[in-house]
Amino acid sequence: MSEHADIEKQRVRDDFSNAAASYDTAAVLQREVCERTLERVDMLKLQPRRVLDVGTATGRSLKGLASRFPNSSMVACD
């Protein structure tokens, strides 16, 4: 890969890292979806060994999942 491509990848990483600091505050719809999803998870009465959070963004939903499933392995993928 070229040096230019490496620099661009690093710039994109840096931009996403900078945006992450304020993302959760601005992500009103995502927060609502997360809360409603966790409510439905509570109804299922599951005890999974592993939990996969696809599209995790900043990982906000993992806190709720980890508290519900303390003995489960958490995997986040964005």
N, C-alpha and C. Protein backbone atom coordinates (compact mmCIF):
# COMPACT_ATOMS: atom_id res chain seq x y z
N MET A 1 0.84 -1.17 0.00
CA MET A 1 0.00 0.00 0.00
C MET A 1 0.89 1.24 0.00
N SER A 2 0.43 2.30 -0.65
CA SER A 2 1.25 3.50 -0.76
C SER A 2 1.25 4.29 0.55
N GLU A 3 2.25 5.13 0.67
CA GLU A 3 2.35 5.97 1.87
C GLU A 3 1.15 6.91 1.96
N HIS A 4 0.69 7.40 0.80
CA HIS A 4 -0.48 8.29 0.78
C HIS A 4 -1.71 7.58 1.34
N ALA A 5 -1.93 6.34 0.93
CA ALA A 5 -3.08 5.57 1.42
C ALA A 5 -2.98 5.34 2.92
N ASP A 6 -1.78 5.07 3.42
CA ASP A 6 -1.58 4.89 4.86
C ASP A 6 -1.91 6.16 5.62
N ILE A 7 -1.49 7.30 5.08
CA ILE A 7 -1.77 8.59 5.73
C ILE A 7 -3.27 8.85 5.74
N GLU A 8 -3.96 8.55 4.64
CA GLU A 8 -5.41 8.75 4.57
C GLU A 8 -6.14 7.85 5.57
N LYS A 9 -5.72 6.60 5.68
CA LYS A 9 -6.35 5.69 6.65
C LYS A 9 -6.18 6.22 8.07
N GLN A 10 -5.00 6.73 8.38
CA GLN A 10 -4.75 7.28 9.71
C GLN A 10 -5.62 8.51 9.95
N ARG A 11 -5.77 9.34 8.92
CA ARG A 11 -6.60 10.54 9.06
C ARG A 11 -8.05 10.15 9.33
N VAL A 12 -8.56 9.15 8.62
CA VAL A 12 -9.93 8.68 8.84
C VAL A 12 -10.08 8.14 10.26
N ARG A 13 -9.11 7.34 10.72
CA ARG A 13 -9.14 6.82 12.10
C ARG A 13 -9.19 7.97 13.10
N ASP A 14 -8.33 8.96 12.89
CA ASP A 14 -8.29 10.11 13.81
C ASP A 14 -9.61 10.87 13.80
N ASP A 15 -10.19 11.07 12.62
CA ASP A 15 -11.46 11.79 12.53
C ASP A 15 -12.57 11.04 13.27
N PHE A 16 -12.64 9.72 13.11
CA PHE A 16 -13.65 8.94 13.82
C PHE A 16 -13.41 8.98 15.33
N SER A 17 -12.18 8.92 15.75
CA SER A 17 -11.87 8.99 17.18
C SER A 17 -12.30 10.32 17.77
N ASN A 18 -12.04 11.40 17.04
CA ASN A 18 -12.44 12.72 17.52
C ASN A 18 -13.96 12.85 17.59
N ALA A 19 -14.66 12.30 16.61
CA ALA A 19 -16.12 12.38 16.59
C ALA A 19 -16.75 11.52 17.68
N ALA A 20 -16.10 10.44 18.06
CA ALA A 20 -16.66 9.51 19.05
C ALA A 20 -16.89 10.19 20.39
N ALA A 21 -16.09 11.18 20.72
CA ALA A 21 -16.22 11.85 22.01
C ALA A 21 -17.59 12.48 22.20
N SER A 22 -18.20 12.99 21.13
CA SER A 22 -19.51 13.63 21.26
C SER A 22 -20.64 12.84 20.58
N TYR A 23 -20.32 11.71 20.01
CA TYR A 23 -21.30 10.94 19.24
C TYR A 23 -22.49 10.51 20.10
N ASP A 24 -22.25 9.93 21.26
CA ASP A 24 -23.35 9.40 22.08
C ASP A 24 -24.33 10.49 22.48
N THR A 25 -23.84 11.70 22.72
CA THR A 25 -24.71 12.81 23.09
C THR A 25 -25.65 13.17 21.94
N ALA A 26 -25.14 13.12 20.72
CA ALA A 26 -25.92 13.52 19.56
C ALA A 26 -26.77 12.39 18.97
N ALA A 27 -26.50 11.17 19.33
CA ALA A 27 -27.15 10.01 18.70
C ALA A 27 -28.47 9.67 19.39
N VAL A 28 -29.43 10.56 19.29
CA VAL A 28 -30.71 10.40 19.98
C VAL A 28 -31.47 9.17 19.48
N LEU A 29 -31.58 9.01 18.19
CA LEU A 29 -32.29 7.85 17.63
C LEU A 29 -31.61 6.55 18.01
N GLN A 30 -30.29 6.50 17.91
CA GLN A 30 -29.56 5.28 18.25
C GLN A 30 -29.75 4.92 19.73
N ARG A 31 -29.77 5.93 20.59
CA ARG A 31 -29.98 5.68 22.02
C ARG A 31 -31.36 5.08 22.27
N GLU A 32 -32.37 5.63 21.60
CA GLU A 32 -33.74 5.12 21.75
C GLU A 32 -33.84 3.67 21.26
N VAL A 33 -33.25 3.38 20.12
CA VAL A 33 -33.26 2.01 19.59
C VAL A 33 -32.56 1.07 20.56
N CYS A 34 -31.44 1.50 21.11
CA CYS A 34 -30.70 0.67 22.08
C CYS A 34 -31.56 0.37 23.30
N GLU A 35 -32.19 1.40 23.87
CA GLU A 35 -33.01 1.20 25.07
C GLU A 35 -34.17 0.25 24.80
N ARG A 36 -34.82 0.41 23.66
CA ARG A 36 -35.95 -0.46 23.33
C ARG A 36 -35.49 -1.90 23.07
N THR A 37 -34.35 -2.03 22.44
CA THR A 37 -33.81 -3.37 22.19
C THR A 37 -33.48 -4.07 23.50
N LEU A 38 -32.86 -3.35 24.43
CA LEU A 38 -32.53 -3.94 25.73
C LEU A 38 -33.79 -4.35 26.49
N GLU A 39 -34.86 -3.57 26.37
CA GLU A 39 -36.13 -3.95 27.01
C GLU A 39 -36.64 -5.28 26.46
N ARG A 40 -36.51 -5.47 25.17
CA ARG A 40 -36.95 -6.72 24.55
C ARG A 40 -36.05 -7.89 24.93
N VAL A 41 -34.78 -7.62 25.05
CA VAL A 41 -33.84 -8.66 25.48
C VAL A 41 -34.23 -9.15 26.88
N ASP A 42 -34.64 -8.24 27.74
CA ASP A 42 -35.06 -8.62 29.09
C ASP A 42 -36.21 -9.63 29.07
N MET A 43 -37.09 -9.51 28.11
CA MET A 43 -38.24 -10.41 28.02
C MET A 43 -37.85 -11.82 27.58
N LEU A 44 -36.71 -11.98 26.94
CA LEU A 44 -36.33 -13.28 26.38
C LEU A 44 -35.80 -14.27 27.42
N LYS A 45 -35.33 -13.79 28.54
CA LYS A 45 -34.81 -14.65 29.62
C LYS A 45 -33.69 -15.57 29.12
N LEU A 46 -32.80 -15.02 28.34
CA LEU A 46 -31.66 -15.77 27.82
C LEU A 46 -30.46 -15.66 28.73
N GLN A 47 -29.56 -16.62 28.66
CA GLN A 47 -28.27 -16.57 29.33
C GLN A 47 -27.21 -17.05 28.33
N PRO A 48 -26.90 -16.21 27.34
CA PRO A 48 -25.96 -16.63 26.29
C PRO A 48 -24.52 -16.71 26.80
N ARG A 49 -23.74 -17.54 26.13
CA ARG A 49 -22.30 -17.61 26.45
C ARG A 49 -21.57 -16.45 25.80
N ARG A 50 -22.05 -16.04 24.62
CA ARG A 50 -21.42 -14.95 23.88
C ARG A 50 -22.49 -13.98 23.39
N VAL A 51 -22.13 -12.70 23.35
CA VAL A 51 -23.01 -11.68 22.82
C VAL A 51 -22.22 -10.91 21.77
N LEU A 52 -22.81 -10.76 20.58
CA LEU A 52 -22.19 -10.02 19.49
C LEU A 52 -22.99 -8.75 19.24
N ASP A 53 -22.37 -7.61 19.39
CA ASP A 53 -23.00 -6.32 19.12
C ASP A 53 -22.48 -5.83 17.78
N VAL A 54 -23.29 -6.00 16.74
CA VAL A 54 -22.90 -5.60 15.39
C VAL A 54 -23.35 -4.16 15.16
N GLY A 55 -22.45 -3.33 14.66
CA GLY A 55 -22.75 -1.92 14.47
C GLY A 55 -22.65 -1.16 15.77
N THR A 56 -21.70 -1.53 16.59
CA THR A 56 -21.60 -1.04 17.96
C THR A 56 -21.29 0.44 18.11
N ALA A 57 -20.72 1.06 17.08
CA ALA A 57 -20.32 2.48 17.15
C ALA A 57 -19.38 2.68 18.34
N THR A 58 -19.82 3.42 19.35
CA THR A 58 -18.96 3.70 20.51
C THR A 58 -19.03 2.61 21.58
N GLY A 59 -19.87 1.61 21.39
CA GLY A 59 -19.98 0.54 22.37
C GLY A 59 -20.94 0.82 23.50
N ARG A 60 -21.74 1.85 23.36
CA ARG A 60 -22.68 2.25 24.41
C ARG A 60 -23.60 1.10 24.83
N SER A 61 -24.11 0.34 23.89
CA SER A 61 -25.05 -0.74 24.21
C SER A 61 -24.40 -1.87 24.98
N LEU A 62 -23.08 -2.00 24.87
CA LEU A 62 -22.39 -3.08 25.57
C LEU A 62 -22.53 -2.97 27.09
N LYS A 63 -22.63 -1.76 27.60
CA LYS A 63 -22.80 -1.59 29.05
C LYS A 63 -24.09 -2.25 29.51
N GLY A 64 -25.18 -2.01 28.79
CA GLY A 64 -26.46 -2.62 29.13
C GLY A 64 -26.45 -4.12 28.94
N LEU A 65 -25.82 -4.57 27.88
CA LEU A 65 -25.73 -6.01 27.63
C LEU A 65 -24.87 -6.70 28.69
N ALA A 66 -23.75 -6.09 29.04
CA ALA A 66 -22.85 -6.69 30.03
C ALA A 66 -23.51 -6.77 31.40
N SER A 67 -24.33 -5.78 31.75
CA SER A 67 -25.01 -5.84 33.05
C SER A 67 -26.08 -6.92 33.07
N ARG A 68 -26.69 -7.19 31.92
CA ARG A 68 -27.71 -8.23 31.84
C ARG A 68 -27.12 -9.63 31.75
N PHE A 69 -25.94 -9.71 31.16
CA PHE A 69 -25.29 -11.00 30.95
C PHE A 69 -23.86 -10.97 31.49
N PRO A 70 -23.70 -10.90 32.79
CA PRO A 70 -22.36 -10.73 33.38
C PRO A 70 -21.41 -11.91 33.13
N ASN A 71 -21.94 -13.07 32.84
CA ASN A 71 -21.09 -14.24 32.61
C ASN A 71 -20.85 -14.51 31.12
N SER A 72 -21.29 -13.60 30.28
CA SER A 72 -21.15 -13.77 28.83
C SER A 72 -19.92 -13.03 28.31
N SER A 73 -19.36 -13.57 27.27
CA SER A 73 -18.26 -12.92 26.57
C SER A 73 -18.85 -11.90 25.60
N MET A 74 -18.38 -10.66 25.65
CA MET A 74 -18.89 -9.60 24.79
C MET A 74 -17.96 -9.36 23.62
N VAL A 75 -18.54 -9.27 22.42
CA VAL A 75 -17.78 -8.96 21.21
C VAL A 75 -18.47 -7.79 20.52
N ALA A 76 -17.71 -6.75 20.22
CA ALA A 76 -18.25 -5.58 19.53
C ALA A 76 -17.64 -5.47 18.15
N CYS A 77 -18.48 -5.21 17.16
CA CYS A 77 -18.02 -5.08 15.78
C CYS A 77 -18.72 -3.88 15.16
N ASP A 78 -17.93 -2.98 14.60
CA ASP A 78 -18.52 -1.81 13.97
C ASP A 78 -18.16 -1.76 12.50
